[in-house]
Amino acid sequence: MAKTSLQKARERAFKLQNGCCFYCGQRMNQSPITKCTAEHLQARCDGGRIAGNIVAACLYCNNERHRVERPMAPKAWRAHVGKQVQKRSWPTLT
């Protein structure tokens, strides 16, 4: 089965990020919580395209960001998660 452009973009982002989540910086693998997902920096509904708009994020960070009605912008979410990681109040996923 041929890979979609989104799958290719996710794999490219995973490699460029050395297998680490864009938000928490932890290593991703294929376990349910650390599975690599493709995260659009700009939502598709807001005109975000696939090329150059995809980062790799662990399933946990991606799900947590989108649990609220109005998710934080990616840059703000990354800063928030980074502070939580530094305080050791973000789950250790590896």
PDB file of N, CA and C in Angstrom:
ATOM      1  N   MET A   1       0.838  -1.176   0.000  1.00  0.00           N
ATOM      2  CA  MET A   1       0.000   0.000   0.000  1.00  0.00           C
ATOM      3  C   MET A   1       0.892   1.250   0.000  1.00  0.00           C
ATOM      4  N   ALA A   2       0.581   2.201  -0.840  1.00  0.00           N
ATOM      5  CA  ALA A   2       1.363   3.430  -0.959  1.00  0.00           C
ATOM      6  C   ALA A   2       1.118   4.344   0.244  1.00  0.00           C
ATOM      7  N   LYS A   3       2.163   5.027   0.649  1.00  0.00           N
ATOM      8  CA  LYS A   3       2.041   5.957   1.774  1.00  0.00           C
ATOM      9  C   LYS A   3       1.432   7.270   1.294  1.00  0.00           C
ATOM     10  N   THR A   4       0.630   7.872   2.162  1.00  0.00           N
ATOM     11  CA  THR A   4       0.048   9.172   1.852  1.00  0.00           C
ATOM     12  C   THR A   4       1.101  10.256   2.083  1.00  0.00           C
ATOM     13  N   SER A   5       0.835  11.440   1.586  1.00  0.00           N
ATOM     14  CA  SER A   5       1.779  12.538   1.795  1.00  0.00           C
ATOM     15  C   SER A   5       1.886  12.890   3.281  1.00  0.00           C
ATOM     16  N   LEU A   6       0.791  12.700   4.043  1.00  0.00           N
ATOM     17  CA  LEU A   6       0.834  12.959   5.484  1.00  0.00           C
ATOM     18  C   LEU A   6       1.747  11.954   6.188  1.00  0.00           C
ATOM     19  N   GLN A   7       1.663  10.696   5.801  1.00  0.00           N
ATOM     20  CA  GLN A   7       2.537   9.683   6.399  1.00  0.00           C
ATOM     21  C   GLN A   7       4.004   9.986   6.086  1.00  0.00           C
ATOM     22  N   LYS A   8       4.272  10.371   4.852  1.00  0.00           N
ATOM     23  CA  LYS A   8       5.645  10.711   4.471  1.00  0.00           C
ATOM     24  C   LYS A   8       6.143  11.923   5.251  1.00  0.00           C
ATOM     25  N   ALA A   9       5.281  12.923   5.416  1.00  0.00           N
ATOM     26  CA  ALA A   9       5.654  14.130   6.159  1.00  0.00           C
ATOM     27  C   ALA A   9       5.925  13.793   7.620  1.00  0.00           C
ATOM     28  N   ARG A  10       5.105  12.916   8.222  1.00  0.00           N
ATOM     29  CA  ARG A  10       5.316  12.507   9.613  1.00  0.00           C
ATOM     30  C   ARG A  10       6.647  11.777   9.753  1.00  0.00           C
ATOM     31  N   GLU A  11       6.942  10.872   8.843  1.00  0.00           N
ATOM     32  CA  GLU A  11       8.202  10.129   8.904  1.00  0.00           C
ATOM     33  C   GLU A  11       9.397  11.070   8.728  1.00  0.00           C
ATOM     34  N   ARG A  12       9.270  12.039   7.854  1.00  0.00           N
ATOM     35  CA  ARG A  12      10.341  13.015   7.641  1.00  0.00           C
ATOM     36  C   ARG A  12      10.555  13.842   8.910  1.00  0.00           C
ATOM     37  N   ALA A  13       9.469  14.304   9.511  1.00  0.00           N
ATOM     38  CA  ALA A  13       9.568  15.096  10.751  1.00  0.00           C
ATOM     39  C   ALA A  13      10.189  14.250  11.860  1.00  0.00           C
ATOM     40  N   PHE A  14       9.788  12.994  11.976  1.00  0.00           N
ATOM     41  CA  PHE A  14      10.333  12.077  12.983  1.00  0.00           C
ATOM     42  C   PHE A  14      11.853  11.988  12.844  1.00  0.00           C
ATOM     43  N   LYS A  15      12.314  11.823  11.617  1.00  0.00           N
ATOM     44  CA  LYS A  15      13.758  11.718  11.369  1.00  0.00           C
ATOM     45  C   LYS A  15      14.469  13.034  11.679  1.00  0.00           C
ATOM     46  N   LEU A  16      13.895  14.148  11.219  1.00  0.00           N
ATOM     47  CA  LEU A  16      14.513  15.459  11.451  1.00  0.00           C
ATOM     48  C   LEU A  16      14.592  15.791  12.947  1.00  0.00           C
ATOM     49  N   GLN A  17      13.643  15.292  13.723  1.00  0.00           N
ATOM     50  CA  GLN A  17      13.591  15.546  15.168  1.00  0.00           C
ATOM     51  C   GLN A  17      14.285  14.446  15.959  1.00  0.00           C
ATOM     52  N   ASN A  18      15.012  13.589  15.265  1.00  0.00           N
ATOM     53  CA  ASN A  18      15.747  12.488  15.905  1.00  0.00           C
ATOM     54  C   ASN A  18      14.845  11.623  16.776  1.00  0.00           C
ATOM     55  N   GLY A  19      13.608  11.422  16.331  1.00  0.00           N
ATOM     56  CA  GLY A  19      12.686  10.540  17.043  1.00  0.00           C
ATOM     57  C   GLY A  19      12.105  11.126  18.312  1.00  0.00           C
ATOM     58  N   CYS A  20      12.261  12.442  18.503  1.00  0.00           N
ATOM     59  CA  CYS A  20      11.771  13.085  19.725  1.00  0.00           C
ATOM     60  C   CYS A  20      10.533  13.930  19.442  1.00  0.00           C
ATOM     61  N   CYS A  21       9.657  13.984  20.411  1.00  0.00           N
ATOM     62  CA  CYS A  21       8.417  14.744  20.302  1.00  0.00           C
ATOM     63  C   CYS A  21       8.711  16.241  20.193  1.00  0.00           C
ATOM     64  N   PHE A  22       8.023  16.926  19.309  1.00  0.00           N
ATOM     65  CA  PHE A  22       8.164  18.369  19.113  1.00  0.00           C
ATOM     66  C   PHE A  22       7.836  19.138  20.383  1.00  0.00           C
ATOM     67  N   TYR A  23       6.900  18.647  21.182  1.00  0.00           N
ATOM     68  CA  TYR A  23       6.446  19.368  22.364  1.00  0.00           C
ATOM     69  C   TYR A  23       7.238  19.023  23.626  1.00  0.00           C
ATOM     70  N   CYS A  24       7.352  17.749  23.965  1.00  0.00           N
ATOM     71  CA  CYS A  24       7.989  17.374  25.239  1.00  0.00           C
ATOM     72  C   CYS A  24       9.441  16.937  25.091  1.00  0.00           C
ATOM     73  N   GLY A  25       9.875  16.674  23.874  1.00  0.00           N
ATOM     74  CA  GLY A  25      11.263  16.300  23.638  1.00  0.00           C
ATOM     75  C   GLY A  25      11.611  14.872  23.975  1.00  0.00           C
ATOM     76  N   GLN A  26      10.627  14.082  24.390  1.00  0.00           N
ATOM     77  CA  GLN A  26      10.899  12.692  24.755  1.00  0.00           C
ATOM     78  C   GLN A  26      10.910  11.808  23.513  1.00  0.00           C
ATOM     79  N   ARG A  27      11.626  10.694  23.622  1.00  0.00           N
ATOM     80  CA  ARG A  27      11.709   9.740  22.510  1.00  0.00           C
ATOM     81  C   ARG A  27      10.345   9.122  22.263  1.00  0.00           C
ATOM     82  N   MET A  28      10.040   8.952  20.992  1.00  0.00           N
ATOM     83  CA  MET A  28       8.783   8.307  20.611  1.00  0.00           C
ATOM     84  C   MET A  28       9.090   6.908  20.107  1.00  0.00           C
ATOM     85  N   ASN A  29       8.118   6.019  20.284  1.00  0.00           N
ATOM     86  CA  ASN A  29       8.204   4.670  19.735  1.00  0.00           C
ATOM     87  C   ASN A  29       6.788   4.240  19.369  1.00  0.00           C
ATOM     88  N   GLN A  30       6.538   2.974  19.309  1.00  0.00           N
ATOM     89  CA  GLN A  30       5.219   2.511  18.882  1.00  0.00           C
ATOM     90  C   GLN A  30       4.313   2.084  20.025  1.00  0.00           C
ATOM     91  N   SER A  31       4.696   2.373  21.278  1.00  0.00           N
ATOM     92  CA  SER A  31       3.781   2.068  22.378  1.00  0.00           C
ATOM     93  C   SER A  31       2.580   3.005  22.266  1.00  0.00           C
ATOM     94  N   PRO A  32       1.443   2.637  22.817  1.00  0.00           N
ATOM     95  CA  PRO A  32       0.231   3.448  22.629  1.00  0.00           C
ATOM     96  C   PRO A  32       0.380   4.926  22.985  1.00  0.00           C
ATOM     97  N   ILE A  33       1.066   5.254  24.046  1.00  0.00           N
ATOM     98  CA  ILE A  33       1.125   6.659  24.476  1.00  0.00           C
ATOM     99  C   ILE A  33       2.246   7.443  23.790  1.00  0.00           C
ATOM    100  N   THR A  34       3.316   6.760  23.386  1.00  0.00           N
ATOM    101  CA  THR A  34       4.441   7.464  22.771  1.00  0.00           C
ATOM    102  C   THR A  34       4.465   7.297  21.255  1.00  0.00           C
ATOM    103  N   LYS A  35       3.395   6.821  20.709  1.00  0.00           N
ATOM    104  CA  LYS A  35       3.302   6.642  19.261  1.00  0.00           C
ATOM    105  C   LYS A  35       3.463   7.995  18.568  1.00  0.00           C
ATOM    106  N   CYS A  36       4.189   7.995  17.481  1.00  0.00           N
ATOM    107  CA  CYS A  36       4.429   9.217  16.734  1.00  0.00           C
ATOM    108  C   CYS A  36       3.182   9.604  15.930  1.00  0.00           C
ATOM    109  N   THR A  37       2.759  10.847  16.079  1.00  0.00           N
ATOM    110  CA  THR A  37       1.636  11.370  15.310  1.00  0.00           C
ATOM    111  C   THR A  37       2.115  12.574  14.507  1.00  0.00           C
ATOM    112  N   ALA A  38       1.384  12.887  13.463  1.00  0.00           N
ATOM    113  CA  ALA A  38       1.670  14.073  12.665  1.00  0.00           C
ATOM    114  C   ALA A  38       0.854  15.227  13.227  1.00  0.00           C
ATOM    115  N   GLU A  39       1.518  16.304  13.560  1.00  0.00           N
ATOM    116  CA  GLU A  39       0.858  17.474  14.126  1.00  0.00           C
ATOM    117  C   GLU A  39       0.964  18.631  13.139  1.00  0.00           C
ATOM    118  N   HIS A  40      -0.175  19.177  12.759  1.00  0.00           N
ATOM    119  CA  HIS A  40      -0.196  20.350  11.883  1.00  0.00           C
ATOM    120  C   HIS A  40       0.081  21.597  12.722  1.00  0.00           C
ATOM    121  N   LEU A  41       1.089  22.355  12.363  1.00  0.00           N
ATOM    122  CA  LEU A  41       1.371  23.594  13.078  1.00  0.00           C
ATOM    123  C   LEU A  41       0.303  24.636  12.778  1.00  0.00           C
ATOM    124  N   GLN A  42      -0.181  24.638  11.553  1.00  0.00           N
ATOM    125  CA  GLN A  42      -1.314  25.481  11.187  1.00  0.00           C
ATOM    126  C   GLN A  42      -2.408  24.517  10.748  1.00  0.00           C
ATOM    127  N   ALA A  43      -3.569  24.635  11.361  1.00  0.00           N
ATOM    128  CA  ALA A  43      -4.674  23.721  11.069  1.00  0.00           C
ATOM    129  C   ALA A  43      -5.028  23.731   9.582  1.00  0.00           C
ATOM    130  N   ARG A  44      -5.415  22.580   9.098  1.00  0.00           N
ATOM    131  CA  ARG A  44      -5.823  22.485   7.695  1.00  0.00           C
ATOM    132  C   ARG A  44      -6.977  23.420   7.395  1.00  0.00           C
ATOM    133  N   CYS A  45      -7.909  23.536   8.352  1.00  0.00           N
ATOM    134  CA  CYS A  45      -9.068  24.404   8.133  1.00  0.00           C
ATOM    135  C   CYS A  45      -8.674  25.883   8.079  1.00  0.00           C
ATOM    136  N   ASP A  46      -7.460  26.204   8.569  1.00  0.00           N
ATOM    137  CA  ASP A  46      -6.953  27.577   8.517  1.00  0.00           C
ATOM    138  C   ASP A  46      -5.965  27.777   7.380  1.00  0.00           C
ATOM    139  N   GLY A  47      -5.941  26.836   6.463  1.00  0.00           N
ATOM    140  CA  GLY A  47      -5.077  26.955   5.289  1.00  0.00           C
ATOM    141  C   GLY A  47      -3.748  26.246   5.394  1.00  0.00           C
ATOM    142  N   GLY A  48      -3.532  25.507   6.481  1.00  0.00           N
ATOM    143  CA  GLY A  48      -2.273  24.787   6.648  1.00  0.00           C
ATOM    144  C   GLY A  48      -2.148  23.655   5.646  1.00  0.00           C
ATOM    145  N   ARG A  49      -1.074  23.634   4.939  1.00  0.00           N
ATOM    146  CA  ARG A  49      -0.786  22.582   3.972  1.00  0.00           C
ATOM    147  C   ARG A  49       0.089  21.531   4.658  1.00  0.00           C
ATOM    148  N   ILE A  50       0.356  20.458   3.953  1.00  0.00           N
ATOM    149  CA  ILE A  50       1.178  19.397   4.539  1.00  0.00           C
ATOM    150  C   ILE A  50       2.657  19.761   4.481  1.00  0.00           C
ATOM    151  N   ALA A  51       3.143  20.183   3.332  1.00  0.00           N
ATOM    152  CA  ALA A  51       4.575  20.470   3.174  1.00  0.00           C
ATOM    153  C   ALA A  51       5.012  21.582   4.124  1.00  0.00           C
ATOM    154  N   GLY A  52       5.987  21.279   4.978  1.00  0.00           N
ATOM    155  CA  GLY A  52       6.536  22.267   5.887  1.00  0.00           C
ATOM    156  C   GLY A  52       5.643  22.633   7.061  1.00  0.00           C
ATOM    157  N   ASN A  53       4.521  21.984   7.200  1.00  0.00           N
ATOM    158  CA  ASN A  53       3.560  22.322   8.247  1.00  0.00           C
ATOM    159  C   ASN A  53       3.399  21.190   9.254  1.00  0.00           C
ATOM    160  N   ILE A  54       4.149  20.135   9.097  1.00  0.00           N
ATOM    161  CA  ILE A  54       4.004  18.947   9.941  1.00  0.00           C
ATOM    162  C   ILE A  54       5.211  18.772  10.835  1.00  0.00           C
ATOM    163  N   VAL A  55       4.946  18.522  12.111  1.00  0.00           N
ATOM    164  CA  VAL A  55       5.980  18.103  13.053  1.00  0.00           C
ATOM    165  C   VAL A  55       5.533  16.766  13.634  1.00  0.00           C
ATOM    166  N   ALA A  56       6.473  16.068  14.240  1.00  0.00           N
ATOM    167  CA  ALA A  56       6.157  14.802  14.889  1.00  0.00           C
ATOM    168  C   ALA A  56       5.926  15.070  16.369  1.00  0.00           C
ATOM    169  N   ALA A  57       4.797  14.590  16.870  1.00  0.00           N
ATOM    170  CA  ALA A  57       4.460  14.755  18.286  1.00  0.00           C
ATOM    171  C   ALA A  57       3.988  13.421  18.835  1.00  0.00           C
ATOM    172  N   CYS A  58       4.329  13.154  20.092  1.00  0.00           N
ATOM    173  CA  CYS A  58       3.847  11.915  20.696  1.00  0.00           C
ATOM    174  C   CYS A  58       2.329  12.002  20.865  1.00  0.00           C
ATOM    175  N   LEU A  59       1.704  10.877  20.885  1.00  0.00           N
ATOM    176  CA  LEU A  59       0.251  10.814  20.994  1.00  0.00           C
ATOM    177  C   LEU A  59      -0.238  11.513  22.255  1.00  0.00           C
ATOM    178  N   TYR A  60       0.504  11.379  23.354  1.00  0.00           N
ATOM    179  CA  TYR A  60       0.096  12.007  24.605  1.00  0.00           C
ATOM    180  C   TYR A  60       0.034  13.525  24.463  1.00  0.00           C
ATOM    181  N   CYS A  61       1.110  14.140  23.980  1.00  0.00           N
ATOM    182  CA  CYS A  61       1.138  15.603  23.822  1.00  0.00           C
ATOM    183  C   CYS A  61       0.076  16.071  22.839  1.00  0.00           C
ATOM    184  N   ASN A  62      -0.060  15.362  21.744  1.00  0.00           N
ATOM    185  CA  ASN A  62      -1.042  15.738  20.730  1.00  0.00           C
ATOM    186  C   ASN A  62      -2.455  15.676  21.308  1.00  0.00           C
ATOM    187  N   ASN A  63      -2.763  14.589  22.004  1.00  0.00           N
ATOM    188  CA  ASN A  63      -4.100  14.445  22.599  1.00  0.00           C
ATOM    189  C   ASN A  63      -4.355  15.497  23.670  1.00  0.00           C
ATOM    190  N   GLU A  64      -3.358  15.732  24.527  1.00  0.00           N
ATOM    191  CA  GLU A  64      -3.536  16.719  25.600  1.00  0.00           C
ATOM    192  C   GLU A  64      -3.786  18.111  25.020  1.00  0.00           C
ATOM    193  N   ARG A  65      -3.081  18.452  23.982  1.00  0.00           N
ATOM    194  CA  ARG A  65      -3.246  19.778  23.373  1.00  0.00           C
ATOM    195  C   ARG A  65      -4.658  19.953  22.822  1.00  0.00           C
ATOM    196  N   HIS A  66      -5.208  18.895  22.267  1.00  0.00           N
ATOM    197  CA  HIS A  66      -6.501  19.003  21.586  1.00  0.00           C
ATOM    198  C   HIS A  66      -7.698  18.600  22.457  1.00  0.00           C
ATOM    199  N   ARG A  67      -7.470  18.399  23.746  1.00  0.00           N
ATOM    200  CA  ARG A  67      -8.572  18.017  24.648  1.00  0.00           C
ATOM    201  C   ARG A  67      -9.524  19.167  24.928  1.00  0.00           C
ATOM    202  N   VAL A  68      -9.062  20.381  24.748  1.00  0.00           N
ATOM    203  CA  VAL A  68      -9.882  21.550  25.043  1.00  0.00           C
ATOM    204  C   VAL A  68     -10.540  22.065  23.763  1.00  0.00           C
ATOM    205  N   GLU A  69     -11.584  22.849  23.943  1.00  0.00           N
ATOM    206  CA  GLU A  69     -12.315  23.363  22.782  1.00  0.00           C
ATOM    207  C   GLU A  69     -11.437  24.252  21.903  1.00  0.00           C
ATOM    208  N   ARG A  70     -10.621  25.090  22.538  1.00  0.00           N
ATOM    209  CA  ARG A  70      -9.736  25.989  21.798  1.00  0.00           C
ATOM    210  C   ARG A  70      -8.289  25.706  22.211  1.00  0.00           C
ATOM    211  N   PRO A  71      -7.617  24.802  21.494  1.00  0.00           N
ATOM    212  CA  PRO A  71      -6.238  24.458  21.866  1.00  0.00           C
ATOM    213  C   PRO A  71      -5.300  25.653  21.767  1.00  0.00           C
ATOM    214  N   MET A  72      -4.262  25.623  22.599  1.00  0.00           N
ATOM    215  CA  MET A  72      -3.211  26.642  22.532  1.00  0.00           C
ATOM    216  C   MET A  72      -2.531  26.553  21.165  1.00  0.00           C
ATOM    217  N   ALA A  73      -1.967  27.647  20.731  1.00  0.00           N
ATOM    218  CA  ALA A  73      -1.152  27.647  19.520  1.00  0.00           C
ATOM    219  C   ALA A  73       0.048  26.728  19.757  1.00  0.00           C
ATOM    220  N   PRO A  74       0.574  26.104  18.714  1.00  0.00           N
ATOM    221  CA  PRO A  74       1.693  25.179  18.894  1.00  0.00           C
ATOM    222  C   PRO A  74       2.873  25.773  19.671  1.00  0.00           C
ATOM    223  N   LYS A  75       3.243  27.015  19.384  1.00  0.00           N
ATOM    224  CA  LYS A  75       4.373  27.635  20.076  1.00  0.00           C
ATOM    225  C   LYS A  75       4.076  27.790  21.574  1.00  0.00           C
ATOM    226  N   ALA A  76       2.871  28.220  21.901  1.00  0.00           N
ATOM    227  CA  ALA A  76       2.482  28.386  23.307  1.00  0.00           C
ATOM    228  C   ALA A  76       2.405  27.031  24.014  1.00  0.00           C
ATOM    229  N   TRP A  77       1.870  26.023  23.324  1.00  0.00           N
ATOM    230  CA  TRP A  77       1.768  24.680  23.911  1.00  0.00           C
ATOM    231  C   TRP A  77       3.156  24.104  24.166  1.00  0.00           C
ATOM    232  N   ARG A  78       4.065  24.307  23.215  1.00  0.00           N
ATOM    233  CA  ARG A  78       5.427  23.804  23.379  1.00  0.00           C
ATOM    234  C   ARG A  78       6.086  24.451  24.596  1.00  0.00           C
ATOM    235  N   ALA A  79       5.892  25.745  24.779  1.00  0.00           N
ATOM    236  CA  ALA A  79       6.444  26.445  25.945  1.00  0.00           C
ATOM    237  C   ALA A  79       5.820  25.918  27.233  1.00  0.00           C
ATOM    238  N   HIS A  80       4.505  25.713  27.225  1.00  0.00           N
ATOM    239  CA  HIS A  80       3.801  25.187  28.400  1.00  0.00           C
ATOM    240  C   HIS A  80       4.330  23.797  28.766  1.00  0.00           C
ATOM    241  N   VAL A  81       4.420  22.925  27.782  1.00  0.00           N
ATOM    242  CA  VAL A  81       4.903  21.564  28.034  1.00  0.00           C
ATOM    243  C   VAL A  81       6.346  21.608  28.513  1.00  0.00           C
ATOM    244  N   GLY A  82       7.171  22.460  27.901  1.00  0.00           N
ATOM    245  CA  GLY A  82       8.569  22.579  28.313  1.00  0.00           C
ATOM    246  C   GLY A  82       8.705  22.952  29.779  1.00  0.00           C
ATOM    247  N   LYS A  83       7.865  23.879  30.235  1.00  0.00           N
ATOM    248  CA  LYS A  83       7.894  24.270  31.654  1.00  0.00           C
ATOM    249  C   LYS A  83       7.479  23.102  32.537  1.00  0.00           C
ATOM    250  N   GLN A  84       6.472  22.346  32.107  1.00  0.00           N
ATOM    251  CA  GLN A  84       6.019  21.197  32.885  1.00  0.00           C
ATOM    252  C   GLN A  84       7.097  20.116  32.956  1.00  0.00           C
ATOM    253  N   VAL A  85       7.798  19.914  31.847  1.00  0.00           N
ATOM    254  CA  VAL A  85       8.887  18.933  31.815  1.00  0.00           C
ATOM    255  C   VAL A  85       9.991  19.363  32.779  1.00  0.00           C
ATOM    256  N   GLN A  86      10.346  20.645  32.764  1.00  0.00           N
ATOM    257  CA  GLN A  86      11.391  21.147  33.665  1.00  0.00           C
ATOM    258  C   GLN A  86      11.007  20.979  35.128  1.00  0.00           C
ATOM    259  N   LYS A  87       9.723  21.180  35.438  1.00  0.00           N
ATOM    260  CA  LYS A  87       9.253  21.020  36.824  1.00  0.00           C
ATOM    261  C   LYS A  87       9.025  19.548  37.170  1.00  0.00           C
ATOM    262  N   ARG A  88       9.222  18.694  36.194  1.00  0.00           N
ATOM    263  CA  ARG A  88       8.992  17.246  36.342  1.00  0.00           C
ATOM    264  C   ARG A  88       7.536  16.915  36.655  1.00  0.00           C
ATOM    265  N   SER A  89       6.647  17.747  36.136  1.00  0.00           N
ATOM    266  CA  SER A  89       5.211  17.483  36.339  1.00  0.00           C
ATOM    267  C   SER A  89       4.545  17.002  35.047  1.00  0.00           C
ATOM    268  N   TRP A  90       5.357  16.720  34.032  1.00  0.00           N
ATOM    269  CA  TRP A  90       4.849  16.135  32.796  1.00  0.00           C
ATOM    270  C   TRP A  90       5.234  14.663  32.826  1.00  0.00           C
ATOM    271  N   PRO A  91       4.356  13.764  32.399  1.00  0.00           N
ATOM    272  CA  PRO A  91       4.676  12.340  32.471  1.00  0.00           C
ATOM    273  C   PRO A  91       5.945  11.974  31.709  1.00  0.00           C
ATOM    274  N   THR A  92       6.724  11.097  32.304  1.00  0.00           N
ATOM    275  CA  THR A  92       7.879  10.538  31.612  1.00  0.00           C
ATOM    276  C   THR A  92       7.356   9.376  30.787  1.00  0.00           C
ATOM    277  N   LEU A  93       7.516   9.479  29.496  1.00  0.00           N
ATOM    278  CA  LEU A  93       6.877   8.522  28.594  1.00  0.00           C
ATOM    279  C   LEU A  93       7.801   7.405  28.143  1.00  0.00           C
ATOM    280  N   THR A  94       9.085   7.565  28.320  1.00  0.00           N
ATOM    281  CA  THR A  94      10.008   6.545  27.814  1.00  0.00           C
ATOM    282  C   THR A  94      10.382   5.553  28.868  1.00  0.00           C
TER     283      THR A  94
END
